[in-house]
Amino acid sequence: MAMEDEYVLSVCDDVPHDVVLTDTGAHVLDVVQVVRRLSGLSLWRSEALATQVPALILVGVPQEDAEEAVTALHEVGAQAEAREQPEPGFPN
């Protein structure tokens, strides 16, 4: 059996998560500031990202960081969710 034919499922405690902004709510400027803080993007890019929902804000972060980001977005009136990244090789 060739190496590329084998698939080993490793179990780890820290499955990467993505943070998805689903609705900016009424306080768009506050959401833009939080997106800027979380992503490290410029103000202009953060505004563009926050106004094109659904928007992927963070990719492949630990669950704890994803939950903190979602909480920060909820605090300013936005709707967001942390999504567990699918295992490679498995259909969604």
N, C-alpha and C. Protein backbone atom coordinates (compact mmCIF):
# COMPACT_ATOMS: atom_id res chain seq x y z
N MET A 1 0.85 -1.18 0.00
CA MET A 1 0.00 0.00 0.00
C MET A 1 0.90 1.24 0.00
N ALA A 2 0.64 2.15 -0.89
CA ALA A 2 1.44 3.37 -1.00
C ALA A 2 1.10 4.31 0.15
N MET A 3 2.05 5.15 0.47
CA MET A 3 1.88 6.09 1.59
C MET A 3 0.69 7.02 1.36
N GLU A 4 0.47 7.47 0.12
CA GLU A 4 -0.62 8.40 -0.14
C GLU A 4 -2.00 7.73 -0.04
N ASP A 5 -2.04 6.39 -0.02
CA ASP A 5 -3.30 5.68 0.12
C ASP A 5 -3.74 5.55 1.57
N GLU A 6 -2.86 5.81 2.50
CA GLU A 6 -3.19 5.68 3.91
C GLU A 6 -3.67 7.01 4.47
N TYR A 7 -4.61 6.90 5.37
CA TYR A 7 -5.09 8.10 6.05
C TYR A 7 -5.17 7.79 7.53
N VAL A 8 -4.51 8.57 8.29
CA VAL A 8 -4.50 8.36 9.73
C VAL A 8 -5.25 9.51 10.38
N LEU A 9 -6.26 9.17 11.14
CA LEU A 9 -7.03 10.18 11.86
C LEU A 9 -6.38 10.39 13.22
N SER A 10 -5.86 11.56 13.42
CA SER A 10 -5.27 11.86 14.72
C SER A 10 -6.27 12.69 15.51
N VAL A 11 -6.39 12.35 16.76
CA VAL A 11 -7.32 13.06 17.63
C VAL A 11 -6.52 14.04 18.46
N CYS A 12 -6.94 15.28 18.41
CA CYS A 12 -6.26 16.29 19.21
C CYS A 12 -7.31 17.17 19.87
N ASP A 13 -6.90 17.80 20.94
CA ASP A 13 -7.82 18.64 21.70
C ASP A 13 -8.07 19.98 21.03
N ASP A 14 -7.16 20.40 20.17
CA ASP A 14 -7.22 21.75 19.62
C ASP A 14 -7.56 21.72 18.13
N VAL A 15 -8.82 21.48 17.82
CA VAL A 15 -9.28 21.47 16.43
C VAL A 15 -9.39 22.93 15.98
N PRO A 16 -8.83 23.27 14.83
CA PRO A 16 -8.90 24.66 14.37
C PRO A 16 -10.33 25.09 14.07
N HIS A 17 -10.60 26.35 14.34
CA HIS A 17 -11.92 26.94 14.11
C HIS A 17 -11.79 28.18 13.24
N ASP A 18 -12.86 28.47 12.53
CA ASP A 18 -12.98 29.71 11.77
C ASP A 18 -14.02 30.58 12.45
N VAL A 19 -13.85 31.89 12.36
CA VAL A 19 -14.84 32.82 12.90
C VAL A 19 -15.51 33.50 11.70
N VAL A 20 -16.82 33.37 11.65
CA VAL A 20 -17.61 33.90 10.54
C VAL A 20 -18.55 34.98 11.06
N LEU A 21 -18.45 36.16 10.48
CA LEU A 21 -19.37 37.26 10.78
C LEU A 21 -20.59 37.10 9.88
N THR A 22 -21.76 36.94 10.50
CA THR A 22 -22.97 36.70 9.71
C THR A 22 -23.87 37.92 9.59
N ASP A 23 -23.75 38.89 10.51
CA ASP A 23 -24.56 40.11 10.45
C ASP A 23 -23.87 41.18 11.28
N THR A 24 -23.73 42.37 10.72
CA THR A 24 -23.04 43.44 11.44
C THR A 24 -23.93 44.11 12.47
N GLY A 25 -25.24 44.02 12.32
CA GLY A 25 -26.12 44.69 13.26
C GLY A 25 -26.17 46.18 12.99
N ALA A 26 -26.63 46.93 13.97
CA ALA A 26 -26.86 48.37 13.80
C ALA A 26 -25.60 49.22 13.98
N HIS A 27 -24.60 48.71 14.68
CA HIS A 27 -23.41 49.50 15.00
C HIS A 27 -22.22 49.06 14.14
N VAL A 28 -22.31 49.37 12.85
CA VAL A 28 -21.32 48.90 11.90
C VAL A 28 -19.91 49.40 12.25
N LEU A 29 -19.77 50.64 12.64
CA LEU A 29 -18.44 51.17 12.95
C LEU A 29 -17.80 50.45 14.13
N ASP A 30 -18.60 50.10 15.13
CA ASP A 30 -18.07 49.35 16.27
C ASP A 30 -17.62 47.96 15.83
N VAL A 31 -18.39 47.35 14.95
CA VAL A 31 -18.02 46.03 14.43
C VAL A 31 -16.74 46.12 13.62
N VAL A 32 -16.61 47.15 12.81
CA VAL A 32 -15.39 47.35 12.02
C VAL A 32 -14.17 47.45 12.93
N GLN A 33 -14.29 48.17 14.03
CA GLN A 33 -13.17 48.31 14.96
C GLN A 33 -12.80 46.96 15.58
N VAL A 34 -13.80 46.16 15.92
CA VAL A 34 -13.52 44.83 16.49
C VAL A 34 -12.87 43.94 15.44
N VAL A 35 -13.38 43.97 14.22
CA VAL A 35 -12.79 43.18 13.13
C VAL A 35 -11.34 43.60 12.92
N ARG A 36 -11.09 44.89 12.97
CA ARG A 36 -9.72 45.39 12.80
C ARG A 36 -8.81 44.88 13.91
N ARG A 37 -9.30 44.91 15.14
CA ARG A 37 -8.50 44.44 16.27
C ARG A 37 -8.23 42.95 16.17
N LEU A 38 -9.24 42.18 15.79
CA LEU A 38 -9.10 40.73 15.72
C LEU A 38 -8.22 40.28 14.56
N SER A 39 -8.38 40.93 13.41
CA SER A 39 -7.70 40.47 12.20
C SER A 39 -6.35 41.13 11.95
N GLY A 40 -6.15 42.32 12.52
CA GLY A 40 -4.91 43.04 12.25
C GLY A 40 -4.90 43.74 10.90
N LEU A 41 -6.05 43.78 10.24
CA LEU A 41 -6.14 44.44 8.94
C LEU A 41 -6.24 45.95 9.11
N SER A 42 -6.05 46.66 8.02
CA SER A 42 -6.21 48.11 8.05
C SER A 42 -7.68 48.46 8.26
N LEU A 43 -7.93 49.70 8.61
CA LEU A 43 -9.30 50.16 8.82
C LEU A 43 -10.12 49.98 7.55
N TRP A 44 -9.55 50.33 6.41
CA TRP A 44 -10.26 50.23 5.14
C TRP A 44 -10.62 48.78 4.82
N ARG A 45 -9.66 47.87 4.97
CA ARG A 45 -9.91 46.45 4.69
C ARG A 45 -10.88 45.84 5.70
N SER A 46 -10.78 46.27 6.95
CA SER A 46 -11.71 45.78 7.97
C SER A 46 -13.13 46.20 7.66
N GLU A 47 -13.31 47.43 7.19
CA GLU A 47 -14.64 47.91 6.82
C GLU A 47 -15.17 47.13 5.63
N ALA A 48 -14.33 46.90 4.64
CA ALA A 48 -14.76 46.13 3.46
C ALA A 48 -15.16 44.72 3.86
N LEU A 49 -14.40 44.11 4.74
CA LEU A 49 -14.70 42.75 5.19
C LEU A 49 -15.99 42.71 6.00
N ALA A 50 -16.17 43.66 6.90
CA ALA A 50 -17.33 43.67 7.79
C ALA A 50 -18.63 43.98 7.06
N THR A 51 -18.55 44.64 5.93
CA THR A 51 -19.78 45.01 5.22
C THR A 51 -20.14 44.01 4.13
N GLN A 52 -19.37 42.95 3.97
CA GLN A 52 -19.67 41.92 2.97
C GLN A 52 -19.93 40.59 3.66
N VAL A 53 -21.01 40.53 4.41
CA VAL A 53 -21.33 39.33 5.18
C VAL A 53 -22.04 38.30 4.31
N PRO A 54 -21.88 37.03 4.56
CA PRO A 54 -21.04 36.46 5.61
C PRO A 54 -19.57 36.62 5.27
N ALA A 55 -18.78 36.93 6.28
CA ALA A 55 -17.36 37.18 6.09
C ALA A 55 -16.53 36.31 7.02
N LEU A 56 -15.50 35.73 6.49
CA LEU A 56 -14.58 34.92 7.27
C LEU A 56 -13.57 35.86 7.92
N ILE A 57 -13.66 36.02 9.24
CA ILE A 57 -12.83 36.97 9.96
C ILE A 57 -11.51 36.35 10.39
N LEU A 58 -11.56 35.16 10.96
CA LEU A 58 -10.37 34.44 11.40
C LEU A 58 -10.42 33.02 10.85
N VAL A 59 -9.26 32.49 10.50
CA VAL A 59 -9.19 31.14 9.92
C VAL A 59 -8.21 30.30 10.71
N GLY A 60 -8.66 29.12 11.13
CA GLY A 60 -7.76 28.15 11.75
C GLY A 60 -7.21 28.55 13.10
N VAL A 61 -8.02 29.18 13.93
CA VAL A 61 -7.56 29.58 15.26
C VAL A 61 -8.03 28.55 16.29
N PRO A 62 -7.37 28.50 17.44
CA PRO A 62 -7.83 27.59 18.50
C PRO A 62 -9.26 27.93 18.94
N GLN A 63 -9.96 26.94 19.46
CA GLN A 63 -11.36 27.12 19.86
C GLN A 63 -11.53 28.25 20.86
N GLU A 64 -10.64 28.36 21.82
CA GLU A 64 -10.75 29.41 22.83
C GLU A 64 -10.66 30.79 22.20
N ASP A 65 -9.72 30.98 21.27
CA ASP A 65 -9.58 32.26 20.58
C ASP A 65 -10.81 32.56 19.73
N ALA A 66 -11.34 31.54 19.08
CA ALA A 66 -12.54 31.72 18.26
C ALA A 66 -13.73 32.14 19.12
N GLU A 67 -13.89 31.51 20.26
CA GLU A 67 -14.99 31.86 21.15
C GLU A 67 -14.85 33.28 21.69
N GLU A 68 -13.62 33.69 22.01
CA GLU A 68 -13.39 35.06 22.47
C GLU A 68 -13.71 36.07 21.38
N ALA A 69 -13.36 35.75 20.14
CA ALA A 69 -13.64 36.64 19.02
C ALA A 69 -15.15 36.77 18.80
N VAL A 70 -15.86 35.65 18.87
CA VAL A 70 -17.31 35.68 18.71
C VAL A 70 -17.95 36.51 19.82
N THR A 71 -17.47 36.35 21.04
CA THR A 71 -17.99 37.14 22.16
C THR A 71 -17.76 38.63 21.94
N ALA A 72 -16.56 38.99 21.47
CA ALA A 72 -16.25 40.40 21.22
C ALA A 72 -17.18 40.97 20.15
N LEU A 73 -17.46 40.20 19.12
CA LEU A 73 -18.37 40.66 18.08
C LEU A 73 -19.80 40.77 18.59
N HIS A 74 -20.22 39.82 19.40
CA HIS A 74 -21.58 39.88 19.99
C HIS A 74 -21.74 41.11 20.89
N GLU A 75 -20.69 41.47 21.60
CA GLU A 75 -20.75 42.61 22.52
C GLU A 75 -21.03 43.93 21.81
N VAL A 76 -20.68 44.02 20.53
CA VAL A 76 -20.95 45.26 19.78
C VAL A 76 -22.18 45.13 18.88
N GLY A 77 -22.95 44.06 19.09
CA GLY A 77 -24.21 43.91 18.38
C GLY A 77 -24.17 43.11 17.09
N ALA A 78 -23.04 42.51 16.77
CA ALA A 78 -22.93 41.71 15.55
C ALA A 78 -23.34 40.27 15.83
N GLN A 79 -23.64 39.56 14.77
CA GLN A 79 -23.90 38.12 14.85
C GLN A 79 -22.70 37.42 14.22
N ALA A 80 -22.14 36.46 14.95
CA ALA A 80 -20.98 35.72 14.47
C ALA A 80 -21.01 34.33 15.06
N GLU A 81 -20.27 33.44 14.44
CA GLU A 81 -20.19 32.08 14.95
C GLU A 81 -18.80 31.51 14.72
N ALA A 82 -18.44 30.58 15.60
CA ALA A 82 -17.19 29.83 15.46
C ALA A 82 -17.54 28.50 14.83
N ARG A 83 -16.88 28.19 13.74
CA ARG A 83 -17.14 26.92 13.04
C ARG A 83 -15.89 26.06 13.08
N GLU A 84 -16.09 24.82 13.48
CA GLU A 84 -14.99 23.87 13.50
C GLU A 84 -14.61 23.54 12.06
N GLN A 85 -13.31 23.57 11.77
CA GLN A 85 -12.87 23.23 10.43
C GLN A 85 -13.04 21.74 10.21
N PRO A 86 -13.50 21.34 9.02
CA PRO A 86 -13.66 19.92 8.76
C PRO A 86 -12.31 19.20 8.69
N GLU A 87 -12.34 17.91 9.04
CA GLU A 87 -11.12 17.11 8.92
C GLU A 87 -10.76 16.99 7.45
N PRO A 88 -9.47 17.08 7.11
CA PRO A 88 -9.09 16.91 5.71
C PRO A 88 -9.41 15.50 5.24
N GLY A 89 -9.92 15.41 4.02
CA GLY A 89 -10.23 14.11 3.46
C GLY A 89 -11.62 13.61 3.76
N PHE A 90 -12.36 14.29 4.62
CA PHE A 90 -13.72 13.88 4.94
C PHE A 90 -14.68 14.83 4.26
N PRO A 91 -15.74 14.31 3.66
CA PRO A 91 -16.73 15.20 3.04
C PRO A 91 -17.49 15.97 4.11
N ASN A 92 -17.93 17.19 3.78
CA ASN A 92 -18.69 18.02 4.72
C ASN A 92 -20.06 17.52 4.94
